[in-house]
Amino acid sequence: MKWSEQTWQAIEERYQSILEMPFIKELSDGSLPQEKFRFYMAQDSLYLEHFGRTLSLIAAKINDLQDVLAFMRFAENAIVVENALHESYFKDFGLTGKGILEPACHHYIHFLRSTAAIESVEIAVAAVLPCFWIYREVGNYIYQTQNTINNPYEKWIATYAGEEFSTAVDQAISICDTIAENSTEETKKRMSEAFIMATRMEYYFWEAAYELKKWE
């Protein structure tokens, strides 16, 4: 069994709990209050800026030149393409600014950036993978189980259920599996731990948006 398959099994229960979150359920049927979605979009836009920088750090450290190019493209997509989507949503939903990093976003991006900067590249690629993989699975789940026509969040759903994004996710998974194959058992264990931690933070990111969690 590949590293990715084993590690996904380890977070399967957490993934199912994500699908059951009020944020995801209400996003799926279009009933999510716009205030919660605006909070999410502002935080996610801030997150993507830092996520793009994290991916660039990984590109600078990874060995295989094709993987360097892949992570450079991932970084560009995070900063340019997805930011453009957010800008259109800012206009659609009346957002005038991103605000500040609230707790869940702050903790998540600092985990990713510190992992990319301090830990080995093997751990770093595993840490960023849930942001690719879980978003695709959630997007596909919504797209396959809900009628998204006239859903105000249809554009968001289509982005993460799209073929172009899915291709990038497959590439990120493949890179992680190849790196894991050439790593020690201890390194693979730490890769899985980083993946699991980032998965937890994905959950808390959506939870924070639904509960509008801010600094006290």
Protein backbone atom coordinates (compact mmCIF):
# COMPACT_ATOMS: atom_id res chain seq x y z
CA MET A 1 0.00 0.00 0.00
CA LYS A 2 1.29 3.46 -0.91
CA TRP A 3 2.12 6.02 1.76
CA SER A 4 -0.80 8.19 0.63
CA GLU A 5 -3.27 5.32 0.91
CA GLN A 6 -2.11 4.41 4.40
CA THR A 7 -2.16 8.00 5.55
CA TRP A 8 -5.62 8.70 4.13
CA GLN A 9 -6.90 5.73 6.11
CA ALA A 10 -5.51 7.40 9.23
CA ILE A 11 -7.59 10.55 8.61
CA GLU A 12 -10.71 8.91 7.13
CA GLU A 13 -12.72 9.45 10.31
CA ARG A 14 -11.69 13.11 10.47
CA TYR A 15 -12.55 13.53 6.78
CA GLN A 16 -16.03 12.11 7.38
CA SER A 17 -16.46 14.54 10.27
CA ILE A 18 -15.57 17.39 7.87
CA LEU A 19 -18.38 16.33 5.54
CA GLU A 20 -20.77 16.46 8.50
CA MET A 21 -19.75 19.97 9.58
CA PRO A 22 -22.52 22.59 9.48
CA PHE A 23 -20.30 24.80 7.31
CA ILE A 24 -19.93 22.11 4.63
CA LYS A 25 -23.55 20.96 4.80
CA GLU A 26 -24.89 24.49 4.45
CA LEU A 27 -22.36 25.39 1.77
CA SER A 28 -23.53 22.31 -0.12
CA ASP A 29 -27.20 23.29 -0.19
CA GLY A 30 -26.62 27.02 -0.45
CA SER A 31 -28.09 27.87 2.96
CA LEU A 32 -24.80 28.98 4.55
CA PRO A 33 -25.27 32.54 5.89
CA GLN A 34 -23.31 35.02 3.81
CA GLU A 35 -21.71 36.48 6.93
CA LYS A 36 -20.02 33.14 7.59
CA PHE A 37 -18.93 32.76 3.98
CA ARG A 38 -17.51 36.31 3.94
CA PHE A 39 -15.50 35.51 7.06
CA TYR A 40 -14.26 32.32 5.42
CA MET A 41 -13.31 34.02 2.15
CA ALA A 42 -11.38 36.81 3.86
CA GLN A 43 -9.42 34.33 5.99
CA ASP A 44 -8.87 31.96 3.06
CA SER A 45 -7.54 34.79 0.92
CA LEU A 46 -4.99 35.59 3.63
CA TYR A 47 -4.23 31.89 3.97
CA LEU A 48 -3.55 31.50 0.24
CA GLU A 49 -0.95 34.26 0.26
CA HIS A 50 1.02 32.42 2.93
CA PHE A 51 0.30 29.01 1.40
CA GLY A 52 1.79 30.20 -1.88
CA ARG A 53 4.94 31.34 -0.06
CA THR A 54 5.13 27.97 1.70
CA LEU A 55 4.92 26.14 -1.61
CA SER A 56 7.72 28.35 -2.94
CA LEU A 57 9.87 27.40 0.05
CA ILE A 58 9.30 23.74 -0.77
CA ALA A 59 10.17 24.35 -4.43
CA ALA A 60 13.51 25.78 -3.31
CA LYS A 61 14.31 22.71 -1.18
CA ILE A 62 12.98 19.77 -3.19
CA ASN A 63 15.53 17.75 -5.15
CA ASP A 64 13.89 16.58 -8.37
CA LEU A 65 13.75 19.37 -10.98
CA GLN A 66 10.31 18.30 -12.21
CA ASP A 67 9.06 18.54 -8.65
CA VAL A 68 10.61 22.00 -8.38
CA LEU A 69 8.57 23.08 -11.40
CA ALA A 70 5.44 21.44 -10.00
CA PHE A 71 5.67 23.30 -6.70
CA MET A 72 6.41 26.57 -8.48
CA ARG A 73 3.19 26.07 -10.45
CA PHE A 74 1.30 25.17 -7.27
CA ALA A 75 2.56 28.39 -5.68
CA GLU A 76 1.55 30.46 -8.69
CA ASN A 77 -1.90 28.89 -8.70
CA ALA A 78 -2.40 29.61 -5.01
CA ILE A 79 -1.37 33.25 -5.29
CA VAL A 80 -2.71 34.24 -8.72
CA VAL A 81 -5.48 31.95 -9.91
CA GLU A 82 -7.28 31.32 -6.64
CA ASN A 83 -6.79 34.93 -5.52
CA ALA A 84 -8.61 36.00 -8.68
CA LEU A 85 -11.51 33.77 -7.67
CA HIS A 86 -11.52 35.41 -4.26
CA GLU A 87 -11.47 38.89 -5.76
CA SER A 88 -14.62 38.09 -7.71
CA TYR A 89 -16.23 36.77 -4.55
CA PHE A 90 -15.19 39.89 -2.65
CA LYS A 91 -17.17 41.89 -5.20
CA ASP A 92 -20.11 39.47 -5.26
CA PHE A 93 -20.47 39.32 -1.48
CA GLY A 94 -19.57 42.90 -0.61
CA LEU A 95 -16.18 42.31 1.01
CA THR A 96 -13.97 45.39 1.02
CA GLY A 97 -10.87 43.97 2.72
CA LYS A 98 -9.25 40.84 4.09
CA GLY A 99 -8.92 42.02 7.67
CA ILE A 100 -6.40 40.35 9.96
CA LEU A 101 -5.34 36.77 10.54
CA GLU A 102 -7.78 35.29 13.03
CA PRO A 103 -6.68 32.39 15.31
CA ALA A 104 -7.42 29.32 13.16
CA CYS A 105 -5.85 30.81 10.03
CA HIS A 106 -2.90 32.18 12.00
CA HIS A 107 -2.13 28.79 13.57
CA TYR A 108 -2.51 26.89 10.30
CA ILE A 109 -0.25 29.05 8.17
CA HIS A 110 2.42 29.27 10.86
CA PHE A 111 2.42 25.49 11.16
CA LEU A 112 2.91 25.14 7.39
CA ARG A 113 5.54 27.85 7.02
CA SER A 114 7.58 26.72 10.01
CA THR A 115 7.41 23.12 8.78
CA ALA A 116 8.59 24.15 5.30
CA ALA A 117 11.39 26.31 6.73
CA ILE A 118 12.70 24.10 9.52
CA GLU A 119 11.77 20.50 8.81
CA SER A 120 13.06 18.31 5.99
CA VAL A 121 11.39 18.65 2.60
CA GLU A 122 9.81 15.20 3.05
CA ILE A 123 7.84 16.46 6.06
CA ALA A 124 6.99 19.72 4.30
CA VAL A 125 5.41 18.13 1.23
CA ALA A 126 3.25 15.95 3.46
CA ALA A 127 2.15 18.93 5.55
CA VAL A 128 0.77 20.87 2.56
CA LEU A 129 -0.94 17.89 0.93
CA PRO A 130 -4.25 17.99 2.88
CA CYS A 131 -5.00 21.47 1.54
CA PHE A 132 -4.92 19.98 -1.95
CA TRP A 133 -6.44 16.60 -1.32
CA ILE A 134 -9.21 17.35 1.18
CA TYR A 135 -10.46 20.33 -0.81
CA ARG A 136 -10.75 18.18 -3.91
CA GLU A 137 -12.60 15.44 -2.06
CA VAL A 138 -14.99 17.92 -0.44
CA GLY A 139 -15.57 19.68 -3.77
CA ASN A 140 -16.25 16.40 -5.55
CA TYR A 141 -18.52 15.19 -2.74
CA ILE A 142 -20.66 18.31 -2.97
CA TYR A 143 -20.70 18.28 -6.75
CA GLN A 144 -21.75 14.63 -6.90
CA THR A 145 -24.38 14.71 -4.14
CA GLN A 146 -25.97 18.15 -4.54
CA ASN A 147 -27.68 20.14 -7.27
CA THR A 148 -25.44 23.20 -7.25
CA ILE A 149 -27.47 25.19 -9.82
CA ASN A 150 -28.54 28.51 -8.27
CA ASN A 151 -26.35 27.79 -5.26
CA PRO A 152 -24.67 31.13 -4.42
CA TYR A 153 -21.47 29.19 -3.72
CA GLU A 154 -21.50 27.29 -7.01
CA LYS A 155 -18.32 28.97 -8.27
CA TRP A 156 -16.37 27.84 -5.19
CA ILE A 157 -17.67 24.27 -5.54
CA ALA A 158 -16.84 24.13 -9.25
CA THR A 159 -13.27 25.30 -8.66
CA TYR A 160 -12.41 22.45 -6.31
CA ALA A 161 -14.43 19.85 -8.19
CA GLY A 162 -12.78 20.85 -11.47
CA GLU A 163 -10.52 18.69 -13.62
CA GLU A 164 -7.61 21.16 -13.59
CA PHE A 165 -7.47 21.21 -9.80
CA SER A 166 -7.82 17.43 -9.65
CA THR A 167 -4.80 17.02 -11.93
CA ALA A 168 -2.70 19.17 -9.59
CA VAL A 169 -3.88 17.13 -6.60
CA ASP A 170 -2.91 13.86 -8.28
CA GLN A 171 0.53 15.30 -8.99
CA ALA A 172 1.00 16.40 -5.38
CA ILE A 173 -0.02 12.95 -4.11
CA SER A 174 2.34 11.26 -6.56
CA ILE A 175 5.26 13.44 -5.45
CA CYS A 176 4.60 12.55 -1.82
CA ASP A 177 4.41 8.83 -2.60
CA THR A 178 7.67 8.89 -4.57
CA ILE A 179 9.44 10.76 -1.77
CA ALA A 180 8.04 8.35 0.83
CA GLU A 181 9.23 5.32 -1.16
CA ASN A 182 12.79 6.62 -0.88
CA SER A 183 12.55 7.55 2.81
CA THR A 184 13.15 5.72 6.06
CA GLU A 185 10.30 4.36 8.15
CA GLU A 186 10.88 7.13 10.69
CA THR A 187 10.60 9.79 7.99
CA LYS A 188 7.42 8.24 6.62
CA LYS A 189 5.98 8.24 10.13
CA ARG A 190 6.76 11.94 10.53
CA MET A 191 5.27 12.66 7.11
CA SER A 192 2.05 11.01 8.24
CA GLU A 193 2.07 12.98 11.48
CA ALA A 194 2.41 16.25 9.55
CA PHE A 195 -0.40 15.23 7.20
CA ILE A 196 -2.68 14.38 10.14
CA MET A 197 -1.92 17.67 11.90
CA ALA A 198 -2.73 19.69 8.78
CA THR A 199 -5.97 17.72 8.39
CA ARG A 200 -6.98 18.72 11.92
CA MET A 201 -6.27 22.34 11.03
CA GLU A 202 -8.45 22.08 7.92
CA TYR A 203 -11.32 21.05 10.21
CA TYR A 204 -10.73 23.90 12.62
CA PHE A 205 -10.43 26.42 9.77
CA TRP A 206 -13.99 25.64 8.62
CA GLU A 207 -15.25 25.42 12.18
CA ALA A 208 -13.80 28.87 12.94
CA ALA A 209 -15.53 30.33 9.88
CA TYR A 210 -18.89 28.91 10.92
CA GLU A 211 -18.51 30.16 14.48
CA LEU A 212 -16.89 33.46 13.40
CA LYS A 213 -14.02 32.87 15.82
CA LYS A 214 -11.87 35.95 16.34
CA TRP A 215 -9.18 37.02 18.78
CA GLU A 216 -10.63 37.94 22.13
